[in-house]
Protein backbone atom coordinates (compact mmCIF):
# COMPACT_ATOMS: atom_id res chain seq x y z
CA UNK A 1 93.05 154.93 17.09
CA UNK A 2 94.62 153.94 13.77
CA UNK A 3 98.01 152.22 13.64
CA UNK A 4 99.53 155.43 12.24
CA UNK A 5 98.16 157.49 15.14
CA UNK A 6 99.45 154.93 17.63
CA UNK A 7 102.87 155.09 16.00
CA UNK A 8 102.99 158.92 16.17
CA UNK A 9 101.74 158.89 19.78
CA UNK A 10 104.48 156.41 20.72
CA UNK A 11 107.11 158.66 19.13
CA UNK A 12 105.83 161.80 20.85
CA UNK A 13 105.31 160.33 24.33
CA UNK A 14 108.95 160.80 25.48
CA UNK A 15 108.89 164.36 24.13
CA UNK A 16 105.96 165.24 26.41
CA UNK A 17 108.15 164.59 29.47
CA UNK A 18 110.94 166.67 27.95
CA UNK A 19 108.52 169.51 27.22
CA UNK A 20 107.25 169.42 30.82
CA UNK A 21 110.83 169.56 32.13
CA UNK A 22 111.71 172.50 29.86
CA UNK A 23 108.62 174.45 30.90
CA UNK A 24 109.47 173.89 34.58
CA UNK A 25 113.05 175.02 33.92
CA UNK A 26 111.95 178.21 32.17
CA UNK A 27 109.25 179.06 34.71
CA UNK A 28 111.58 178.34 37.64
CA UNK A 29 114.13 180.83 36.29
CA UNK A 30 111.76 183.79 36.40
CA UNK A 31 112.34 186.20 39.25
CA UNK A 32 108.69 185.89 40.27
CA UNK A 33 109.03 182.10 40.68
CA UNK A 34 112.68 181.55 41.60
CA UNK A 35 113.64 180.45 45.09
CA UNK A 36 116.78 179.89 47.12
CA UNK A 37 120.00 179.53 45.17
CA UNK A 38 118.22 180.22 41.86
CA UNK A 39 116.91 183.55 43.12
CA UNK A 40 120.33 184.44 44.56
CA UNK A 41 121.92 183.62 41.18
CA UNK A 42 119.39 185.76 39.32
CA UNK A 43 120.10 188.59 41.75
CA UNK A 44 123.83 188.25 41.14
CA UNK A 45 123.25 188.34 37.37
CA UNK A 46 121.53 191.73 37.62
CA UNK A 47 123.95 193.09 40.22
CA UNK A 48 121.87 192.68 43.38
CA UNK A 49 123.68 190.91 46.19
CA UNK A 50 121.65 189.09 48.82
CA UNK A 51 122.18 190.71 52.19
CA UNK A 52 122.06 188.66 55.37
CA UNK A 53 118.69 188.28 56.99
CA UNK A 54 116.67 189.27 53.92
CA UNK A 55 113.77 186.90 53.27
CA UNK A 56 112.87 185.53 49.82
CA UNK A 57 110.05 187.99 49.08
CA UNK A 58 112.07 191.04 50.11
CA UNK A 59 115.04 189.91 48.04
CA UNK A 60 112.72 189.24 45.08
CA UNK A 61 111.49 192.87 45.34
CA UNK A 62 115.09 194.12 45.43
CA UNK A 63 116.00 192.06 42.33
CA UNK A 64 112.99 193.47 40.47
CA UNK A 65 113.94 196.97 41.63
CA UNK A 66 117.51 196.43 40.38
CA UNK A 67 116.11 195.45 36.97
CA UNK A 68 113.99 198.65 36.99
CA UNK A 69 117.15 200.64 37.87
CA UNK A 70 118.90 199.30 34.78
CA UNK A 71 115.92 200.36 32.64
CA UNK A 72 115.57 203.80 34.26
CA UNK A 73 115.92 207.05 32.32
CA UNK A 74 116.19 209.00 35.57
CA UNK A 75 112.75 210.56 35.24
CA UNK A 76 110.30 210.90 38.13
CA UNK A 77 108.09 208.02 36.96
CA UNK A 78 111.06 205.62 36.80
CA UNK A 79 112.29 206.67 40.25
CA UNK A 80 108.85 206.13 41.80
CA UNK A 81 108.66 202.71 40.10
CA UNK A 82 111.95 201.70 41.72
CA UNK A 83 110.75 203.01 45.10
CA UNK A 84 107.48 201.07 44.90
CA UNK A 85 109.35 197.87 44.02
CA UNK A 86 111.77 198.27 46.93
CA UNK A 87 109.11 198.99 49.54
CA UNK A 88 106.63 196.43 48.24
CA UNK A 89 103.64 197.92 50.06
CA UNK A 90 100.94 199.30 47.75
CA UNK A 91 99.54 201.47 50.55
CA UNK A 92 102.75 203.47 50.88
CA UNK A 93 102.85 206.64 48.81
CA UNK A 94 105.80 208.73 47.72
CA UNK A 95 106.09 212.47 47.20
CA UNK A 96 108.59 213.71 44.64
CA UNK A 97 109.78 217.27 45.35
CA UNK A 98 111.96 218.92 42.71
CA UNK A 99 114.43 221.17 44.53
CA UNK A 100 115.92 222.57 41.32
CA UNK A 101 119.63 222.87 40.54
CA UNK A 102 120.15 219.13 40.30
CA UNK A 103 118.46 218.08 43.53
CA UNK A 104 115.22 216.46 44.58
CA UNK A 105 113.62 215.01 47.68
CA UNK A 106 111.76 211.73 47.71
CA UNK A 107 109.47 211.58 50.73
CA UNK A 108 108.05 208.27 51.91
CA UNK A 109 104.67 209.14 53.34
CA UNK A 110 104.40 206.16 55.73
CA UNK A 111 106.94 204.66 58.15
CA UNK A 112 109.50 202.15 56.85
CA UNK A 113 112.42 200.44 58.55
CA UNK A 114 115.90 201.93 58.43
CA UNK A 115 117.11 198.87 56.52
CA UNK A 116 114.49 199.33 53.78
CA UNK A 117 115.28 203.07 53.71
CA UNK A 118 118.96 202.34 53.14
CA UNK A 119 118.23 199.97 50.24
CA UNK A 120 115.64 202.40 48.87
CA UNK A 121 118.13 205.28 48.88
CA UNK A 122 120.83 203.18 47.23
CA UNK A 123 118.67 201.87 44.39
CA UNK A 124 116.80 205.12 43.69
CA UNK A 125 120.11 207.03 43.66
CA UNK A 126 121.44 204.57 41.07
CA UNK A 127 118.31 205.15 38.95
CA UNK A 128 118.77 208.93 39.21
CA UNK A 129 120.51 210.86 36.45
CA UNK A 130 124.23 211.46 36.99
CA UNK A 131 125.01 214.58 39.01
CA UNK A 132 121.54 214.82 40.55
CA UNK A 133 121.31 214.72 44.34
CA UNK A 134 118.66 212.63 46.08
CA UNK A 135 117.47 213.36 49.61
CA UNK A 136 115.27 210.59 50.99
CA UNK A 137 112.93 211.55 53.83
CA UNK A 138 111.14 208.82 55.73
CA UNK A 139 109.55 207.96 59.04
CA UNK A 140 110.93 205.09 61.06
CA UNK A 141 108.70 202.20 62.04
CA UNK A 142 109.17 202.12 65.80
CA UNK A 143 109.82 198.97 67.78
CA UNK A 144 108.04 200.68 70.68
CA UNK A 145 106.43 204.06 71.36
CA UNK A 146 106.86 206.65 74.09
CA UNK A 147 103.78 208.64 74.92
CA UNK A 148 103.69 211.30 77.60
CA UNK A 149 100.52 213.15 76.81
CA UNK A 150 99.27 215.46 74.08
CA UNK A 151 101.93 216.93 71.83
CA UNK A 152 104.65 214.58 73.07
CA UNK A 153 104.71 211.58 70.74
CA UNK A 154 108.12 210.13 69.81
CA UNK A 155 106.61 207.18 67.97
CA UNK A 156 107.75 208.12 64.47
CA UNK A 157 111.27 209.50 64.51
CA UNK A 158 112.11 211.15 61.20
CA UNK A 159 114.96 209.84 59.09
CA UNK A 160 116.80 211.46 56.25
CA UNK A 161 119.47 210.06 53.93
CA UNK A 162 121.38 212.09 51.43
């Protein structure tokens, strides 16, 4: 290495540590990477409060869904996007049923918890065009099942919000 190269390397060496710190700061502030207080702060910035008992991954989905709500044009595709982000399970499908006259039903085709259903209804309703009514239909994930023979299965009690 020439003396000039050594001189430049000596000048740039402290900047390498600064660059590493800046990259960590930027990456750590992304919703996909944020944790703890940073994630809670990002949620607050987009209007999503952290509810008690919600784990990091669930809250991260809710923050991403809130961002999708703010970008929504109220069309079916945007509403389904918000729903998918809230639920966070790629195997769950949604059925959009236009009821006409400013009303639609969003049916969740697999069971979800009542807590997720409540958040889902709230965020999808906010993504919906003003004056349009949302009815959310969902099955409840049971904590236990009753079974008393054929035709008598209370395992998936239906829920409806709206």
